[in-house]
Amino acid sequence: MASIRIILLTCRRTPLLRRALASLLAQTRTDWVCELHNDAPEDESPRALLAEMAPGDPRFSYHHHAPAWGPVRSFNHCFRAGPEPLISLLEDDNWWEPGLLEALSAALARNPTATLAWANMRVWQEDKDSSWTDTGRTVWPIREGDMVFDWPVLIQAFDGLHSNGAMLFRSAGDGRGAVPDETPFALIEPVRERSLRGPYVLVGQALAHYALTRSTARSRDRTLWVQGQLLLAGSFLESVELTPGAWDELWATFRCATPRRTGALLMVALAGIRRREILSRARPSDMFEFVANFVGSLGANLSGLSFRTSHAALWAWLRRETAERTREAREAGRDTLAAGSLISKSDAEGKPH
């Protein structure tokens, strides 16, 4: 009997699907079943590719969406699928090293209370001729052994820890981990972490590959990006307490970022959340740069401040789930973030600032 269910998602990228499917077939751990989901109603080429690469393999089932589900519903299906105790997601543009499933399974075995394990990812850039260049970057610094995280981690105020395309999680059978339908695609991982209980385990080896494709489902809408940052940071900072040292560390890290990210903190203050704590640590240079950038993208920034009404249902969900996770952390004695609690990952996923 299979112990892992793989959800393989594709949409109009059959040439890339070939690479992802080959990496699944090459896994050293073979006790899996796979659902191949094609979200392009007019395209039957994934069915033909599956018949070519895995003829008669009973581990595969093919699912053709008509009408299309869209990315959020497709990702949410992973958390509602199958009786197997472990589930993983593979996107058509990403691919795995042969030992990924074995390594993540071992990480969960070493950490029996962990809900999810994920692997570091090497970042590749698609070139104009459809070839691929290794950027030399990884999402996290390469390291040996496991890193174990539990709520709250300061990076979760603005970003997520885990990666969709490199995770293995324990199926609870309750759908927890699915995100609200209106979640912007770029926020799926950090929003999921507000409800999917930890701990989470990072395997520091780069056992998966992240593709920076020339076309993407991620929106480049500046307004949507600002609203997303405010949804995450606002709901986090409303519930999680930071010591003065943690505030100083956050400011210092954002000042050193390339490009600088201090404007994100000042947007949170402008939205009326933790205004005193944020503004008391702002330097004149931070304020000058913020005003210049705010005026430079005035329309997007003003619209971004409407995040509570533009995403009312998601805002209410985030506040509720964040408060509940923080209450549980408080009962476990880990709800206050002190200096030294800020970890960072590479800004490798092509997200705008």
Foldseek 3Di string as FASTA:
>chain_A
DAQEEEEEEEEPPVVLLLQAVVQVVLAPDDRYAYEYEYQYQVDPVVVVSCCVPPNPPVSYDYHYDVNGPDDQSSLLVQQQDDDHFKYAYAYSNKHFARHQVVVQVVVCVVVVFFFKEFEKAFEWEQDPVRDIDGPVFIQFAADADKDKDFPDFVCLLAAADHDRRTMMGGHPNPSQLRADPPDQPRCSRSRSNLTRGGTYMYGRHHGMYDYPYPDDSHDPQLLVSLLSSLLRNQLQQVAFAEDLQRLLVVQVVQVPDVVRDLLSLVLNLVLVGCVVSSVVPDDPVSVVVNVVVCVVPVVSSVSSSCSCVVVVVNSVVSNVSNNVSLVVVVVVPHRYHYNPSHDHTDPRRPDDD
